[in-house]
Amino acid sequence: MAFFTSEYTAKLDAKGRIVLPARMKANLPDASSGELFMREGFEPCLELYPLTEYKRVYAKIAGLNEFNAEYRKLQRNFFRGSTTVELDTAGRLLIPKPMLQYAGLNKEVVVVGMGNRMEIWSPEAYEKFLITDPQELSALAEKHLTDHD
């Protein structure tokens, strides 16, 4: 299982490539062999999965009943903004232009470890989704991480 944490800044080159931070690259499963799966996130960011992790998510979405209109809508919109990307020998990955536009990426990006995946954000958009009040974070953790027996 992949294990990605922390946040890093990276530079986007003129061709739309970023160098994956060394710690993120080191945590890629050997089986991924540089092949990753990128999709448009639910927020204005990109999600980057090792192939093994993406297959778990894929199985959940693809396994929904295709005869249910709501499930088809989810499948269509989940899969349309997805593609396979590969790390080159320099550890860079090319972000397709439509995905750069979707996430509003240019020059500097933030790469965030999210456990089984990474997110790639513009610094401005990322700031809008951060919790800055420690009490709010504490309340959220209590709500979702404590047993409610």
N, C-alpha and C. Protein backbone atom coordinates (compact mmCIF):
# COMPACT_ATOMS: atom_id res chain seq x y z
N MET A 1 0.84 -1.18 0.00
CA MET A 1 0.00 0.00 0.00
C MET A 1 0.88 1.24 0.00
N ALA A 2 0.50 2.21 -0.80
CA ALA A 2 1.23 3.47 -0.87
C ALA A 2 1.00 4.27 0.40
N PHE A 3 1.95 5.14 0.74
CA PHE A 3 1.84 5.95 1.94
C PHE A 3 2.44 7.32 1.65
N PHE A 4 1.58 8.27 1.32
CA PHE A 4 2.04 9.62 0.97
C PHE A 4 1.58 10.61 2.02
N THR A 5 2.50 11.43 2.54
CA THR A 5 2.18 12.47 3.50
C THR A 5 2.95 13.74 3.17
N SER A 6 2.67 14.79 3.89
CA SER A 6 3.35 16.09 3.80
C SER A 6 2.95 16.88 2.56
N GLU A 7 3.50 18.07 2.48
CA GLU A 7 3.26 18.91 1.31
C GLU A 7 4.59 19.47 0.82
N TYR A 8 4.68 19.63 -0.48
CA TYR A 8 5.91 20.08 -1.13
C TYR A 8 5.55 21.08 -2.21
N THR A 9 6.45 22.01 -2.48
CA THR A 9 6.26 22.88 -3.64
C THR A 9 7.12 22.33 -4.77
N ALA A 10 6.62 22.53 -5.96
CA ALA A 10 7.35 22.08 -7.16
C ALA A 10 7.14 23.12 -8.25
N LYS A 11 8.04 23.15 -9.19
CA LYS A 11 7.95 24.08 -10.32
C LYS A 11 7.40 23.36 -11.54
N LEU A 12 6.54 24.03 -12.24
CA LEU A 12 5.99 23.53 -13.50
C LEU A 12 6.86 24.11 -14.61
N ASP A 13 7.40 23.27 -15.49
CA ASP A 13 8.22 23.80 -16.57
C ASP A 13 7.34 24.24 -17.75
N ALA A 14 7.96 24.79 -18.76
CA ALA A 14 7.22 25.35 -19.91
C ALA A 14 6.39 24.31 -20.66
N LYS A 15 6.76 23.04 -20.54
CA LYS A 15 6.02 21.97 -21.23
C LYS A 15 4.90 21.39 -20.36
N GLY A 16 4.75 21.89 -19.12
CA GLY A 16 3.70 21.37 -18.25
C GLY A 16 4.13 20.15 -17.45
N ARG A 17 5.44 20.06 -17.17
CA ARG A 17 5.95 18.93 -16.40
C ARG A 17 6.35 19.38 -15.01
N ILE A 18 6.21 18.47 -14.04
CA ILE A 18 6.76 18.71 -12.71
C ILE A 18 7.65 17.53 -12.35
N VAL A 19 8.62 17.81 -11.50
CA VAL A 19 9.44 16.74 -10.94
C VAL A 19 8.72 16.30 -9.67
N LEU A 20 8.40 15.04 -9.59
CA LEU A 20 7.74 14.51 -8.42
C LEU A 20 8.71 14.61 -7.24
N PRO A 21 8.28 15.18 -6.11
CA PRO A 21 9.18 15.29 -4.95
C PRO A 21 9.79 13.93 -4.59
N ALA A 22 11.06 13.94 -4.21
CA ALA A 22 11.81 12.70 -3.95
C ALA A 22 11.11 11.79 -2.94
N ARG A 23 10.56 12.36 -1.88
CA ARG A 23 9.89 11.53 -0.87
C ARG A 23 8.64 10.87 -1.43
N MET A 24 7.94 11.58 -2.30
CA MET A 24 6.75 11.00 -2.92
C MET A 24 7.17 9.87 -3.86
N LYS A 25 8.20 10.14 -4.64
CA LYS A 25 8.69 9.13 -5.58
C LYS A 25 9.18 7.88 -4.84
N ALA A 26 9.85 8.09 -3.71
CA ALA A 26 10.37 6.98 -2.92
C ALA A 26 9.25 6.10 -2.36
N ASN A 27 8.07 6.66 -2.17
CA ASN A 27 6.95 5.89 -1.61
C ASN A 27 6.08 5.23 -2.67
N LEU A 28 6.45 5.38 -3.93
CA LEU A 28 5.70 4.69 -4.98
C LEU A 28 5.97 3.19 -4.89
N PRO A 29 4.92 2.38 -5.01
CA PRO A 29 5.15 0.93 -5.01
C PRO A 29 6.00 0.52 -6.20
N ASP A 30 6.86 -0.47 -6.02
CA ASP A 30 7.72 -0.95 -7.10
C ASP A 30 6.89 -1.39 -8.30
N ALA A 31 5.72 -1.91 -8.05
CA ALA A 31 4.86 -2.42 -9.12
C ALA A 31 4.39 -1.32 -10.07
N SER A 32 4.39 -0.07 -9.60
CA SER A 32 3.88 1.00 -10.46
C SER A 32 4.86 1.34 -11.59
N SER A 33 6.13 1.04 -11.41
CA SER A 33 7.18 1.26 -12.41
C SER A 33 7.05 2.59 -13.15
N GLY A 34 6.74 3.64 -12.42
CA GLY A 34 6.67 4.97 -13.02
C GLY A 34 5.36 5.29 -13.69
N GLU A 35 4.43 4.34 -13.73
CA GLU A 35 3.12 4.60 -14.33
C GLU A 35 2.15 5.01 -13.22
N LEU A 36 1.53 6.17 -13.40
CA LEU A 36 0.61 6.71 -12.42
C LEU A 36 -0.72 7.04 -13.08
N PHE A 37 -1.72 7.19 -12.28
CA PHE A 37 -3.04 7.54 -12.81
C PHE A 37 -3.43 8.91 -12.29
N MET A 38 -3.78 9.81 -13.19
CA MET A 38 -4.14 11.17 -12.82
C MET A 38 -5.60 11.42 -13.17
N ARG A 39 -6.29 12.10 -12.25
CA ARG A 39 -7.68 12.47 -12.53
C ARG A 39 -7.97 13.84 -11.95
N GLU A 40 -8.98 14.47 -12.51
CA GLU A 40 -9.43 15.76 -11.99
C GLU A 40 -10.06 15.50 -10.64
N GLY A 41 -9.66 16.26 -9.63
CA GLY A 41 -10.16 16.06 -8.28
C GLY A 41 -11.57 16.60 -8.09
N PHE A 42 -12.15 16.29 -6.94
CA PHE A 42 -13.47 16.82 -6.61
C PHE A 42 -13.37 18.31 -6.30
N GLU A 43 -12.22 18.74 -5.77
CA GLU A 43 -11.91 20.15 -5.60
C GLU A 43 -11.06 20.56 -6.81
N PRO A 44 -10.71 21.85 -6.94
CA PRO A 44 -9.93 22.27 -8.11
C PRO A 44 -8.45 21.87 -8.01
N CYS A 45 -8.21 20.58 -8.05
CA CYS A 45 -6.86 20.04 -7.98
C CYS A 45 -6.81 18.78 -8.83
N LEU A 46 -5.64 18.19 -8.93
CA LEU A 46 -5.48 16.92 -9.63
C LEU A 46 -5.12 15.86 -8.61
N GLU A 47 -5.64 14.67 -8.78
CA GLU A 47 -5.31 13.54 -7.93
C GLU A 47 -4.37 12.62 -8.70
N LEU A 48 -3.35 12.14 -8.01
CA LEU A 48 -2.35 11.29 -8.64
C LEU A 48 -2.22 10.01 -7.81
N TYR A 49 -2.53 8.89 -8.45
CA TYR A 49 -2.52 7.59 -7.78
C TYR A 49 -1.47 6.68 -8.39
N PRO A 50 -0.80 5.87 -7.55
CA PRO A 50 -0.06 4.74 -8.12
C PRO A 50 -1.12 3.81 -8.73
N LEU A 51 -0.77 3.11 -9.77
CA LEU A 51 -1.74 2.27 -10.47
C LEU A 51 -2.42 1.27 -9.54
N THR A 52 -1.67 0.69 -8.61
CA THR A 52 -2.25 -0.30 -7.69
C THR A 52 -3.35 0.33 -6.84
N GLU A 53 -3.15 1.55 -6.39
CA GLU A 53 -4.15 2.24 -5.57
C GLU A 53 -5.35 2.65 -6.42
N TYR A 54 -5.08 3.10 -7.64
CA TYR A 54 -6.19 3.53 -8.50
C TYR A 54 -7.11 2.35 -8.83
N LYS A 55 -6.54 1.18 -8.97
CA LYS A 55 -7.36 0.01 -9.29
C LYS A 55 -8.40 -0.25 -8.21
N ARG A 56 -8.09 0.06 -6.95
CA ARG A 56 -9.06 -0.10 -5.86
C ARG A 56 -10.22 0.89 -6.02
N VAL A 57 -9.89 2.13 -6.34
CA VAL A 57 -10.91 3.15 -6.54
C VAL A 57 -11.74 2.81 -7.78
N TYR A 58 -11.04 2.41 -8.84
CA TYR A 58 -11.70 2.03 -10.10
C TYR A 58 -12.73 0.93 -9.86
N ALA A 59 -12.35 -0.07 -9.08
CA ALA A 59 -13.25 -1.20 -8.83
C ALA A 59 -14.54 -0.74 -8.16
N LYS A 60 -14.43 0.22 -7.24
CA LYS A 60 -15.63 0.74 -6.56
C LYS A 60 -16.55 1.46 -7.54
N ILE A 61 -15.98 2.33 -8.36
CA ILE A 61 -16.78 3.13 -9.29
C ILE A 61 -17.32 2.26 -10.43
N ALA A 62 -16.45 1.44 -11.02
CA ALA A 62 -16.87 0.61 -12.15
C ALA A 62 -17.87 -0.46 -11.71
N GLY A 63 -17.83 -0.84 -10.42
CA GLY A 63 -18.71 -1.87 -9.92
C GLY A 63 -20.13 -1.41 -9.63
N LEU A 64 -20.39 -0.11 -9.79
CA LEU A 64 -21.75 0.38 -9.55
C LEU A 64 -22.69 -0.13 -10.65
N ASN A 65 -23.94 -0.24 -10.32
CA ASN A 65 -24.95 -0.76 -11.24
C ASN A 65 -25.13 0.19 -12.44
N GLU A 66 -24.76 -0.28 -13.62
CA GLU A 66 -24.84 0.55 -14.83
C GLU A 66 -26.27 0.85 -15.27
N PHE A 67 -27.24 0.18 -14.67
CA PHE A 67 -28.64 0.41 -15.02
C PHE A 67 -29.26 1.53 -14.18
N ASN A 68 -28.50 2.06 -13.23
CA ASN A 68 -28.96 3.15 -12.38
C ASN A 68 -28.43 4.46 -12.96
N ALA A 69 -29.32 5.39 -13.29
CA ALA A 69 -28.93 6.65 -13.95
C ALA A 69 -27.96 7.47 -13.11
N GLU A 70 -28.17 7.52 -11.80
CA GLU A 70 -27.28 8.30 -10.93
C GLU A 70 -25.87 7.71 -10.92
N TYR A 71 -25.78 6.38 -10.87
CA TYR A 71 -24.48 5.72 -10.89
C TYR A 71 -23.76 5.96 -12.22
N ARG A 72 -24.51 5.89 -13.32
CA ARG A 72 -23.90 6.15 -14.64
C ARG A 72 -23.35 7.58 -14.69
N LYS A 73 -24.09 8.51 -14.14
CA LYS A 73 -23.65 9.91 -14.13
C LYS A 73 -22.34 10.05 -13.34
N LEU A 74 -22.27 9.38 -12.20
CA LEU A 74 -21.04 9.39 -11.41
C LEU A 74 -19.90 8.76 -12.20
N GLN A 75 -20.13 7.60 -12.79
CA GLN A 75 -19.09 6.92 -13.57
C GLN A 75 -18.60 7.80 -14.71
N ARG A 76 -19.53 8.35 -15.46
CA ARG A 76 -19.18 9.18 -16.62
C ARG A 76 -18.29 10.35 -16.21
N ASN A 77 -18.69 11.04 -15.16
CA ASN A 77 -17.95 12.22 -14.74
C ASN A 77 -16.67 11.89 -13.99
N PHE A 78 -16.63 10.75 -13.34
CA PHE A 78 -15.41 10.33 -12.66
C PHE A 78 -14.35 9.92 -13.67
N PHE A 79 -14.74 9.11 -14.64
CA PHE A 79 -13.76 8.57 -15.58
C PHE A 79 -13.36 9.54 -16.71
N ARG A 80 -14.20 10.48 -17.07
CA ARG A 80 -13.88 11.38 -18.18
C ARG A 80 -12.66 12.24 -17.92
N GLY A 81 -12.45 12.61 -16.67
CA GLY A 81 -11.31 13.46 -16.34
C GLY A 81 -10.13 12.67 -15.83
N SER A 82 -9.84 11.53 -16.45
CA SER A 82 -8.78 10.64 -15.97
C SER A 82 -7.84 10.23 -17.10
N THR A 83 -6.58 10.00 -16.75
CA THR A 83 -5.61 9.54 -17.73
C THR A 83 -4.41 8.89 -17.04
N THR A 84 -3.69 8.08 -17.78
CA THR A 84 -2.46 7.49 -17.29
C THR A 84 -1.31 8.43 -17.63
N VAL A 85 -0.40 8.64 -16.68
CA VAL A 85 0.81 9.44 -16.92
C VAL A 85 2.00 8.61 -16.47
N GLU A 86 3.17 8.93 -17.01
CA GLU A 86 4.37 8.19 -16.66
C GLU A 86 5.48 9.12 -16.24
N LEU A 87 6.25 8.68 -15.24
CA LEU A 87 7.45 9.41 -14.85
C LEU A 87 8.53 9.14 -15.89
N ASP A 88 9.20 10.19 -16.34
CA ASP A 88 10.31 9.97 -17.27
C ASP A 88 11.56 9.64 -16.46
N THR A 89 12.69 9.45 -17.13
CA THR A 89 13.92 9.06 -16.44
C THR A 89 14.42 10.12 -15.46
N ALA A 90 13.98 11.37 -15.64
CA ALA A 90 14.36 12.45 -14.73
C ALA A 90 13.36 12.60 -13.57
N GLY A 91 12.37 11.71 -13.50
CA GLY A 91 11.38 11.78 -12.42
C GLY A 91 10.30 12.82 -12.65
N ARG A 92 10.15 13.26 -13.91
CA ARG A 92 9.12 14.26 -14.24
C ARG A 92 7.88 13.58 -14.77
N LEU A 93 6.74 14.24 -14.56
CA LEU A 93 5.52 13.78 -15.20
C LEU A 93 4.89 14.93 -15.94
N LEU A 94 4.36 14.61 -17.10
CA LEU A 94 3.72 15.61 -17.96
C LEU A 94 2.25 15.69 -17.61
N ILE A 95 1.79 16.89 -17.28
CA ILE A 95 0.39 17.09 -16.96
C ILE A 95 -0.31 17.56 -18.23
N PRO A 96 -1.32 16.83 -18.69
CA PRO A 96 -2.03 17.24 -19.91
C PRO A 96 -2.62 18.65 -19.78
N LYS A 97 -2.62 19.39 -20.89
CA LYS A 97 -3.10 20.78 -20.88
C LYS A 97 -4.50 20.96 -20.30
N PRO A 98 -5.49 20.12 -20.67
CA PRO A 98 -6.81 20.31 -20.06
C PRO A 98 -6.80 20.18 -18.53
N MET A 99 -5.92 19.34 -18.03
CA MET A 99 -5.83 19.17 -16.58
C MET A 99 -5.14 20.36 -15.92
N LEU A 100 -4.15 20.92 -16.60
CA LEU A 100 -3.50 22.14 -16.10
C LEU A 100 -4.55 23.24 -15.95
N GLN A 101 -5.39 23.36 -16.97
CA GLN A 101 -6.45 24.38 -16.95
C GLN A 101 -7.47 24.10 -15.86
N TYR A 102 -7.89 22.85 -15.73
CA TYR A 102 -8.89 22.49 -14.72
C TYR A 102 -8.43 22.92 -13.33
N ALA A 103 -7.17 22.63 -13.00
CA ALA A 103 -6.64 22.92 -11.67
C ALA A 103 -6.04 24.31 -11.55
N GLY A 104 -6.01 25.07 -12.65
CA GLY A 104 -5.45 26.42 -12.62
C GLY A 104 -3.96 26.43 -12.29
N LEU A 105 -3.23 25.47 -12.84
CA LEU A 105 -1.81 25.34 -12.52
C LEU A 105 -0.95 26.17 -13.46
N ASN A 106 0.01 26.89 -12.89
CA ASN A 106 1.04 27.57 -13.66
C ASN A 106 2.23 27.90 -12.77
N LYS A 107 3.40 27.69 -13.25
CA LYS A 107 4.69 27.94 -12.60
C LYS A 107 4.92 27.16 -11.32
N GLU A 108 4.25 27.49 -10.22
CA GLU A 108 4.49 26.79 -8.97
C GLU A 108 3.25 25.99 -8.57
N VAL A 109 3.48 24.78 -8.06
CA VAL A 109 2.38 23.93 -7.61
C VAL A 109 2.69 23.40 -6.21
N VAL A 110 1.66 22.94 -5.55
CA VAL A 110 1.82 22.28 -4.25
C VAL A 110 1.42 20.82 -4.44
N VAL A 111 2.29 19.92 -4.02
CA VAL A 111 2.01 18.48 -4.08
C VAL A 111 1.77 18.03 -2.65
N VAL A 112 0.60 17.44 -2.40
CA VAL A 112 0.20 17.07 -1.05
C VAL A 112 0.00 15.57 -0.96
N GLY A 113 0.61 14.94 0.03
CA GLY A 113 0.40 13.52 0.27
C GLY A 113 -0.92 13.30 0.98
N MET A 114 -1.74 12.41 0.44
CA MET A 114 -3.08 12.15 0.98
C MET A 114 -3.26 10.68 1.34
N GLY A 115 -2.20 10.06 1.84
CA GLY A 115 -2.29 8.64 2.21
C GLY A 115 -2.06 7.76 1.01
N ASN A 116 -3.15 7.36 0.33
CA ASN A 116 -3.03 6.46 -0.82
C ASN A 116 -2.83 7.18 -2.14
N ARG A 117 -2.82 8.51 -2.12
CA ARG A 117 -2.70 9.30 -3.35
C ARG A 117 -2.03 10.63 -3.05
N MET A 118 -1.76 11.37 -4.11
CA MET A 118 -1.22 12.72 -3.99
C MET A 118 -2.20 13.68 -4.65
N GLU A 119 -2.19 14.93 -4.21
CA GLU A 119 -2.96 15.97 -4.87
C GLU A 119 -1.99 17.02 -5.36
N ILE A 120 -2.32 17.62 -6.52
CA ILE A 120 -1.51 18.68 -7.09
C ILE A 120 -2.40 19.91 -7.19
N TRP A 121 -2.00 20.99 -6.54
CA TRP A 121 -2.79 22.21 -6.42
C TRP A 121 -2.03 23.44 -6.91
N SER A 122 -2.78 24.46 -7.30
CA SER A 122 -2.19 25.79 -7.40
C SER A 122 -2.10 26.29 -5.95
N PRO A 123 -1.06 27.03 -5.58
CA PRO A 123 -0.94 27.49 -4.19
C PRO A 123 -2.15 28.32 -3.74
N GLU A 124 -2.70 29.12 -4.63
CA GLU A 124 -3.84 29.98 -4.28
C GLU A 124 -5.09 29.15 -3.96
N ALA A 125 -5.39 28.18 -4.79
CA ALA A 125 -6.56 27.33 -4.55
C ALA A 125 -6.36 26.49 -3.29
N TYR A 126 -5.16 25.98 -3.10
CA TYR A 126 -4.86 25.13 -1.94
C TYR A 126 -5.13 25.87 -0.63
N GLU A 127 -4.69 27.12 -0.56
CA GLU A 127 -4.88 27.93 0.65
C GLU A 127 -6.35 28.04 1.04
N LYS A 128 -7.24 28.08 0.06
CA LYS A 128 -8.68 28.23 0.33
C LYS A 128 -9.28 26.98 0.97
N PHE A 129 -8.61 25.84 0.85
CA PHE A 129 -9.14 24.59 1.37
C PHE A 129 -8.46 24.13 2.66
N LEU A 130 -7.58 24.97 3.20
CA LEU A 130 -6.89 24.61 4.44
C LEU A 130 -7.66 25.11 5.66
N ILE A 131 -7.59 24.38 6.74
CA ILE A 131 -8.16 24.80 8.01
C ILE A 131 -7.08 25.57 8.75
N THR A 132 -7.35 26.81 9.10
CA THR A 132 -6.36 27.63 9.80
C THR A 132 -6.63 27.75 11.29
N ASP A 133 -7.83 27.36 11.74
CA ASP A 133 -8.21 27.43 13.15
C ASP A 133 -8.00 26.06 13.79
N PRO A 134 -7.06 25.94 14.75
CA PRO A 134 -6.81 24.65 15.39
C PRO A 134 -8.05 24.05 16.06
N GLN A 135 -8.94 24.89 16.58
CA GLN A 135 -10.16 24.38 17.22
C GLN A 135 -11.09 23.73 16.20
N GLU A 136 -11.14 24.32 14.99
CA GLU A 136 -11.96 23.72 13.93
C GLU A 136 -11.40 22.35 13.54
N LEU A 137 -10.08 22.25 13.44
CA LEU A 137 -9.45 20.97 13.12
C LEU A 137 -9.71 19.95 14.21
N SER A 138 -9.62 20.37 15.47
CA SER A 138 -9.87 19.49 16.59
C SER A 138 -11.31 18.98 16.58
N ALA A 139 -12.26 19.87 16.33
CA ALA A 139 -13.67 19.47 16.29
C ALA A 139 -13.94 18.49 15.15
N LEU A 140 -13.32 18.73 14.02
CA LEU A 140 -13.48 17.83 12.88
C LEU A 140 -12.89 16.45 13.19
N ALA A 141 -11.71 16.44 13.81
CA ALA A 141 -11.08 15.17 14.18
C ALA A 141 -11.95 14.42 15.19
N GLU A 142 -12.47 15.14 16.17
CA GLU A 142 -13.32 14.50 17.18
C GLU A 142 -14.57 13.91 16.54
N LYS A 143 -15.16 14.65 15.61
CA LYS A 143 -16.38 14.21 14.96
C LYS A 143 -16.18 12.92 14.16
N HIS A 144 -15.04 12.82 13.48
CA HIS A 144 -14.83 11.71 12.55
C HIS A 144 -13.87 10.62 13.04
N LEU A 145 -13.11 10.90 14.08
CA LEU A 145 -12.08 9.93 14.47
C LEU A 145 -12.29 9.31 15.85
N THR A 146 -13.34 9.68 16.53
CA THR A 146 -13.58 9.08 17.84
C THR A 146 -14.75 8.11 17.74
N ASP A 147 -14.71 7.10 18.60
CA ASP A 147 -15.81 6.13 18.64
C ASP A 147 -17.03 6.78 19.26
N HIS A 148 -18.15 6.53 18.68
CA HIS A 148 -19.41 7.10 19.19
C HIS A 148 -20.30 5.97 19.70
N ASP A 149 -19.77 5.19 20.66
CA ASP A 149 -20.53 4.05 21.18
C ASP A 149 -21.61 4.50 22.12
